[in-house]
């Protein structure tokens, strides 16, 4: 799982967007569950909670979005259960999660040893 890509997808969901193919009530319910789960993990981390609340209030605020993505990725790396929840939320959103890979001069060798899982999208 690419923690940063999943964190970006979930941050967009927390902001109230990035859901395709879901009915309005279902989307609203999913966003609420995402926000509640994030708040429970952030707990007393005021900076992370402020990033979440800032994104909810102003979804177009790129700085807050970057802060939220960083906080989500940080907590996902610390807690495998939370990482799994983020991955599941990203799958439920119906949005495509794009993985960004950078490789140096050994890109061909690195690609040869890589397994790519593809799933059909609706």
N, C-alpha and C. Protein backbone atom coordinates (compact mmCIF):
# COMPACT_ATOMS: atom_id res chain seq x y z
N UNK A 1 0.85 -1.18 0.00
CA UNK A 1 0.00 0.00 0.00
C UNK A 1 0.89 1.23 0.00
N UNK A 2 0.54 2.18 -0.83
CA UNK A 2 1.24 3.46 -0.86
C UNK A 2 0.55 4.38 0.14
N UNK A 3 1.18 4.55 1.30
CA UNK A 3 0.56 5.31 2.40
C UNK A 3 0.25 6.74 1.98
N UNK A 4 1.14 7.37 1.23
CA UNK A 4 0.90 8.77 0.84
C UNK A 4 -0.29 8.88 -0.12
N UNK A 5 -0.40 7.96 -1.07
CA UNK A 5 -1.51 8.01 -2.03
C UNK A 5 -2.84 7.78 -1.31
N UNK A 6 -2.86 6.81 -0.41
CA UNK A 6 -4.09 6.54 0.34
C UNK A 6 -4.43 7.72 1.25
N UNK A 7 -3.40 8.31 1.87
CA UNK A 7 -3.62 9.48 2.74
C UNK A 7 -4.20 10.64 1.95
N UNK A 8 -3.72 10.84 0.72
CA UNK A 8 -4.26 11.91 -0.11
C UNK A 8 -5.72 11.66 -0.45
N UNK A 9 -6.04 10.41 -0.81
CA UNK A 9 -7.43 10.08 -1.15
C UNK A 9 -8.35 10.30 0.05
N UNK A 10 -7.90 9.87 1.23
CA UNK A 10 -8.73 10.00 2.43
C UNK A 10 -8.84 11.47 2.86
N UNK A 11 -7.77 12.24 2.69
CA UNK A 11 -7.83 13.66 3.02
C UNK A 11 -8.88 14.37 2.15
N UNK A 12 -8.94 14.01 0.88
CA UNK A 12 -9.96 14.58 0.00
C UNK A 12 -11.36 14.18 0.45
N UNK A 13 -11.49 12.93 0.90
CA UNK A 13 -12.79 12.49 1.41
C UNK A 13 -13.17 13.28 2.65
N UNK A 14 -12.22 13.45 3.56
CA UNK A 14 -12.48 14.19 4.80
C UNK A 14 -12.91 15.62 4.50
N UNK A 15 -12.41 16.16 3.39
CA UNK A 15 -12.78 17.51 2.99
C UNK A 15 -14.19 17.55 2.40
N UNK A 16 -14.73 16.37 2.12
CA UNK A 16 -16.10 16.31 1.60
C UNK A 16 -16.18 16.06 0.12
N UNK A 17 -15.07 15.69 -0.50
CA UNK A 17 -15.09 15.47 -1.94
C UNK A 17 -14.47 14.14 -2.31
N UNK A 18 -14.17 13.97 -3.56
CA UNK A 18 -13.47 12.81 -4.10
C UNK A 18 -14.24 11.51 -3.98
N UNK A 19 -15.55 11.56 -4.15
CA UNK A 19 -16.32 10.32 -4.14
C UNK A 19 -17.15 10.26 -5.40
N UNK A 20 -16.98 9.19 -6.13
CA UNK A 20 -17.76 9.04 -7.35
C UNK A 20 -18.59 7.78 -7.27
N UNK A 21 -19.74 7.82 -7.85
CA UNK A 21 -20.59 6.66 -7.89
C UNK A 21 -21.33 6.36 -6.61
N UNK A 22 -21.29 7.25 -5.65
CA UNK A 22 -22.00 7.03 -4.39
C UNK A 22 -23.19 7.98 -4.30
N UNK A 23 -24.30 7.49 -3.75
CA UNK A 23 -25.44 8.37 -3.51
C UNK A 23 -25.10 9.40 -2.46
N UNK A 24 -25.86 10.46 -2.43
CA UNK A 24 -25.57 11.58 -1.52
C UNK A 24 -25.56 11.14 -0.05
N UNK A 25 -26.56 10.37 0.37
CA UNK A 25 -26.63 9.92 1.76
C UNK A 25 -25.47 8.99 2.10
N UNK A 26 -25.14 8.09 1.19
CA UNK A 26 -24.03 7.16 1.41
C UNK A 26 -22.72 7.92 1.50
N UNK A 27 -22.53 8.88 0.62
CA UNK A 27 -21.31 9.68 0.63
C UNK A 27 -21.19 10.47 1.93
N UNK A 28 -22.28 11.07 2.36
CA UNK A 28 -22.27 11.84 3.60
C UNK A 28 -21.94 10.95 4.80
N UNK A 29 -22.52 9.76 4.83
CA UNK A 29 -22.27 8.82 5.91
C UNK A 29 -20.81 8.38 5.91
N UNK A 30 -20.26 8.11 4.74
CA UNK A 30 -18.87 7.70 4.64
C UNK A 30 -17.93 8.82 5.10
N UNK A 31 -18.21 10.04 4.67
CA UNK A 31 -17.39 11.18 5.09
C UNK A 31 -17.43 11.34 6.60
N UNK A 32 -18.59 11.17 7.19
CA UNK A 32 -18.72 11.30 8.64
C UNK A 32 -17.90 10.23 9.36
N UNK A 33 -17.97 8.98 8.87
CA UNK A 33 -17.18 7.90 9.48
C UNK A 33 -15.69 8.15 9.34
N UNK A 34 -15.28 8.66 8.18
CA UNK A 34 -13.86 8.97 7.95
C UNK A 34 -13.41 10.02 8.95
N UNK A 35 -14.17 11.08 9.08
CA UNK A 35 -13.80 12.16 10.00
C UNK A 35 -13.74 11.68 11.45
N UNK A 36 -14.72 10.87 11.85
CA UNK A 36 -14.72 10.35 13.22
C UNK A 36 -13.52 9.46 13.48
N UNK A 37 -13.18 8.62 12.52
CA UNK A 37 -12.02 7.72 12.70
C UNK A 37 -10.73 8.53 12.78
N UNK A 38 -10.60 9.53 11.95
CA UNK A 38 -9.40 10.38 11.97
C UNK A 38 -9.31 11.09 13.31
N UNK A 39 -10.40 11.67 13.77
CA UNK A 39 -10.39 12.37 15.06
C UNK A 39 -9.99 11.43 16.20
N UNK A 40 -10.48 10.20 16.15
CA UNK A 40 -10.15 9.25 17.23
C UNK A 40 -8.66 8.92 17.24
N UNK A 41 -8.04 8.88 16.10
CA UNK A 41 -6.60 8.58 16.03
C UNK A 41 -5.78 9.82 16.39
N UNK A 42 -6.20 10.98 15.92
CA UNK A 42 -5.45 12.20 16.22
C UNK A 42 -5.51 12.54 17.70
N UNK A 43 -6.61 12.21 18.36
CA UNK A 43 -6.74 12.45 19.80
C UNK A 43 -6.39 13.87 20.19
N UNK A 44 -5.36 14.01 21.03
CA UNK A 44 -4.97 15.32 21.56
C UNK A 44 -3.92 16.03 20.72
N UNK A 45 -3.64 15.54 19.52
CA UNK A 45 -2.66 16.19 18.65
C UNK A 45 -3.32 17.41 18.01
N UNK A 46 -3.17 18.55 18.67
CA UNK A 46 -3.87 19.76 18.25
C UNK A 46 -3.55 20.18 16.81
N UNK A 47 -2.30 20.06 16.42
CA UNK A 47 -1.91 20.48 15.07
C UNK A 47 -2.62 19.64 14.01
N UNK A 48 -2.68 18.33 14.23
CA UNK A 48 -3.34 17.45 13.26
C UNK A 48 -4.84 17.69 13.24
N UNK A 49 -5.43 17.89 14.42
CA UNK A 49 -6.87 18.18 14.49
C UNK A 49 -7.16 19.50 13.79
N UNK A 50 -6.32 20.50 13.97
CA UNK A 50 -6.50 21.78 13.29
C UNK A 50 -6.43 21.62 11.78
N UNK A 51 -5.52 20.77 11.30
CA UNK A 51 -5.43 20.52 9.86
C UNK A 51 -6.72 19.91 9.35
N UNK A 52 -7.26 18.93 10.08
CA UNK A 52 -8.52 18.30 9.68
C UNK A 52 -9.65 19.32 9.67
N UNK A 53 -9.78 20.07 10.74
CA UNK A 53 -10.85 21.07 10.83
C UNK A 53 -10.68 22.15 9.76
N UNK A 54 -9.44 22.52 9.47
CA UNK A 54 -9.18 23.52 8.43
C UNK A 54 -9.59 23.03 7.05
N UNK A 55 -9.33 21.77 6.77
CA UNK A 55 -9.70 21.19 5.48
C UNK A 55 -11.22 21.08 5.36
N UNK A 56 -11.87 20.76 6.46
CA UNK A 56 -13.33 20.67 6.44
C UNK A 56 -13.92 22.06 6.17
N UNK A 57 -13.37 23.08 6.81
CA UNK A 57 -13.87 24.44 6.64
C UNK A 57 -13.52 25.03 5.28
N UNK A 58 -12.31 24.73 4.79
CA UNK A 58 -11.83 25.28 3.52
C UNK A 58 -11.15 24.19 2.70
N UNK A 59 -11.93 23.38 1.99
CA UNK A 59 -11.34 22.26 1.23
C UNK A 59 -10.33 22.68 0.18
N UNK A 60 -10.39 23.92 -0.26
CA UNK A 60 -9.46 24.38 -1.30
C UNK A 60 -8.12 24.87 -0.74
N UNK A 61 -7.97 24.91 0.58
CA UNK A 61 -6.74 25.37 1.23
C UNK A 61 -5.66 24.29 1.09
N UNK A 62 -4.76 24.49 0.13
CA UNK A 62 -3.75 23.49 -0.19
C UNK A 62 -2.78 23.24 0.96
N UNK A 63 -2.43 24.27 1.71
CA UNK A 63 -1.51 24.10 2.83
C UNK A 63 -2.12 23.19 3.90
N UNK A 64 -3.37 23.43 4.24
CA UNK A 64 -4.05 22.58 5.23
C UNK A 64 -4.18 21.15 4.71
N UNK A 65 -4.46 21.02 3.41
CA UNK A 65 -4.59 19.70 2.82
C UNK A 65 -3.26 18.94 2.93
N UNK A 66 -2.16 19.62 2.64
CA UNK A 66 -0.84 18.99 2.75
C UNK A 66 -0.55 18.59 4.19
N UNK A 67 -0.93 19.45 5.15
CA UNK A 67 -0.72 19.13 6.56
C UNK A 67 -1.55 17.90 6.96
N UNK A 68 -2.78 17.82 6.48
CA UNK A 68 -3.63 16.68 6.81
C UNK A 68 -3.07 15.40 6.18
N UNK A 69 -2.65 15.47 4.94
CA UNK A 69 -2.06 14.29 4.28
C UNK A 69 -0.84 13.81 5.05
N UNK A 70 0.02 14.75 5.46
CA UNK A 70 1.21 14.38 6.23
C UNK A 70 0.85 13.73 7.56
N UNK A 71 -0.15 14.29 8.24
CA UNK A 71 -0.57 13.74 9.53
C UNK A 71 -1.17 12.35 9.35
N UNK A 72 -1.99 12.17 8.33
CA UNK A 72 -2.58 10.85 8.07
C UNK A 72 -1.50 9.82 7.78
N UNK A 73 -0.54 10.20 6.95
CA UNK A 73 0.55 9.28 6.61
C UNK A 73 1.39 8.94 7.84
N UNK A 74 1.65 9.93 8.67
CA UNK A 74 2.43 9.72 9.89
C UNK A 74 1.74 8.69 10.80
N UNK A 75 0.46 8.91 11.05
CA UNK A 75 -0.27 8.00 11.93
C UNK A 75 -0.47 6.62 11.29
N UNK A 76 -0.62 6.58 9.98
CA UNK A 76 -0.77 5.29 9.29
C UNK A 76 0.50 4.46 9.40
N UNK A 77 1.64 5.13 9.37
CA UNK A 77 2.91 4.40 9.50
C UNK A 77 3.11 3.87 10.91
N UNK A 78 2.54 4.56 11.89
CA UNK A 78 2.65 4.14 13.29
C UNK A 78 1.65 3.05 13.66
N UNK A 79 0.51 3.02 12.99
CA UNK A 79 -0.59 2.15 13.39
C UNK A 79 -1.12 1.39 12.17
N UNK A 80 -0.81 0.10 12.11
CA UNK A 80 -1.23 -0.70 10.96
C UNK A 80 -2.75 -0.78 10.82
N UNK A 81 -3.45 -0.81 11.96
CA UNK A 81 -4.91 -0.84 11.92
C UNK A 81 -5.48 0.40 11.26
N UNK A 82 -4.91 1.55 11.60
CA UNK A 82 -5.36 2.81 11.00
C UNK A 82 -5.01 2.83 9.52
N UNK A 83 -3.82 2.32 9.17
CA UNK A 83 -3.43 2.26 7.75
C UNK A 83 -4.43 1.41 6.97
N UNK A 84 -4.84 0.29 7.56
CA UNK A 84 -5.84 -0.55 6.91
C UNK A 84 -7.18 0.15 6.75
N UNK A 85 -7.56 0.92 7.77
CA UNK A 85 -8.81 1.68 7.69
C UNK A 85 -8.74 2.72 6.58
N UNK A 86 -7.60 3.41 6.47
CA UNK A 86 -7.44 4.41 5.41
C UNK A 86 -7.55 3.74 4.04
N UNK A 87 -6.90 2.60 3.90
CA UNK A 87 -6.94 1.87 2.64
C UNK A 87 -8.38 1.48 2.30
N UNK A 88 -9.11 1.00 3.28
CA UNK A 88 -10.51 0.62 3.06
C UNK A 88 -11.37 1.83 2.71
N UNK A 89 -11.16 2.95 3.39
CA UNK A 89 -11.91 4.17 3.07
C UNK A 89 -11.63 4.60 1.64
N UNK A 90 -10.37 4.54 1.24
CA UNK A 90 -10.00 4.94 -0.12
C UNK A 90 -10.70 4.04 -1.15
N UNK A 91 -10.78 2.76 -0.86
CA UNK A 91 -11.47 1.83 -1.76
C UNK A 91 -12.96 2.13 -1.83
N UNK A 92 -13.57 2.48 -0.71
CA UNK A 92 -15.00 2.76 -0.66
C UNK A 92 -15.37 4.05 -1.37
N UNK A 93 -14.41 4.94 -1.51
CA UNK A 93 -14.70 6.24 -2.09
C UNK A 93 -15.07 6.16 -3.56
N UNK A 94 -14.62 5.11 -4.22
CA UNK A 94 -14.88 5.01 -5.65
C UNK A 94 -13.93 5.84 -6.48
N UNK A 95 -12.97 6.51 -5.83
CA UNK A 95 -11.99 7.32 -6.54
C UNK A 95 -10.78 6.47 -6.88
N UNK A 96 -10.14 6.85 -7.91
CA UNK A 96 -8.89 6.17 -8.25
C UNK A 96 -7.79 6.69 -7.35
N UNK A 97 -6.96 5.79 -6.88
CA UNK A 97 -5.80 6.17 -6.09
C UNK A 97 -4.60 6.01 -6.99
N UNK A 98 -3.88 7.09 -7.21
CA UNK A 98 -2.73 7.06 -8.09
C UNK A 98 -1.47 6.96 -7.26
N UNK A 99 -0.63 6.02 -7.63
CA UNK A 99 0.62 5.85 -6.92
C UNK A 99 1.72 6.52 -7.73
N UNK A 100 2.50 7.34 -7.08
CA UNK A 100 3.60 8.04 -7.71
C UNK A 100 4.89 7.34 -7.31
N UNK A 101 5.63 6.88 -8.30
CA UNK A 101 6.87 6.16 -8.02
C UNK A 101 8.02 6.90 -8.66
N UNK A 102 9.08 7.10 -7.90
CA UNK A 102 10.29 7.70 -8.44
C UNK A 102 11.41 6.67 -8.33
N UNK A 103 12.16 6.54 -9.38
CA UNK A 103 13.29 5.61 -9.35
C UNK A 103 14.47 6.29 -10.01
N UNK A 104 15.64 5.95 -9.55
CA UNK A 104 16.86 6.49 -10.12
C UNK A 104 17.21 5.77 -11.40
N UNK A 105 18.47 5.61 -11.65
CA UNK A 105 18.90 5.00 -12.91
C UNK A 105 18.56 3.53 -13.01
N UNK A 106 18.18 2.88 -11.92
CA UNK A 106 17.86 1.46 -11.93
C UNK A 106 16.36 1.22 -12.07
N UNK A 107 15.66 2.12 -12.75
CA UNK A 107 14.21 2.00 -12.87
C UNK A 107 13.81 0.71 -13.58
N UNK A 108 14.53 0.31 -14.60
CA UNK A 108 14.18 -0.90 -15.33
C UNK A 108 14.29 -2.12 -14.42
N UNK A 109 15.37 -2.20 -13.67
CA UNK A 109 15.57 -3.32 -12.76
C UNK A 109 14.51 -3.30 -11.66
N UNK A 110 14.22 -2.13 -11.11
CA UNK A 110 13.23 -2.01 -10.06
C UNK A 110 11.85 -2.42 -10.59
N UNK A 111 11.52 -2.02 -11.79
CA UNK A 111 10.23 -2.36 -12.39
C UNK A 111 10.10 -3.84 -12.66
N UNK A 112 11.18 -4.46 -13.02
CA UNK A 112 11.16 -5.90 -13.32
C UNK A 112 10.82 -6.71 -12.07
N UNK A 113 11.23 -6.23 -10.91
CA UNK A 113 11.01 -6.95 -9.66
C UNK A 113 9.72 -6.53 -8.95
N UNK A 114 8.88 -5.78 -9.62
CA UNK A 114 7.69 -5.22 -9.00
C UNK A 114 6.45 -6.01 -9.39
N UNK A 115 5.54 -6.17 -8.47
CA UNK A 115 4.25 -6.78 -8.75
C UNK A 115 3.21 -5.68 -8.72
N UNK A 116 2.43 -5.58 -9.76
CA UNK A 116 1.39 -4.55 -9.85
C UNK A 116 0.04 -5.24 -9.85
N UNK A 117 -0.79 -4.88 -8.90
CA UNK A 117 -2.13 -5.44 -8.80
C UNK A 117 -3.09 -4.46 -9.44
N UNK A 118 -3.87 -4.95 -10.38
CA UNK A 118 -4.83 -4.09 -11.06
C UNK A 118 -6.23 -4.60 -10.77
N UNK A 119 -7.11 -3.65 -10.49
CA UNK A 119 -8.51 -3.98 -10.22
C UNK A 119 -9.36 -3.18 -11.19
N UNK A 120 -10.40 -3.79 -11.70
CA UNK A 120 -11.29 -3.04 -12.59
C UNK A 120 -12.03 -1.97 -11.81
N UNK A 121 -12.28 -0.85 -12.45
CA UNK A 121 -13.05 0.22 -11.82
C UNK A 121 -14.43 0.24 -12.45
N UNK A 122 -15.39 0.68 -11.68
CA UNK A 122 -16.78 0.73 -12.18
C UNK A 122 -17.03 2.00 -12.92
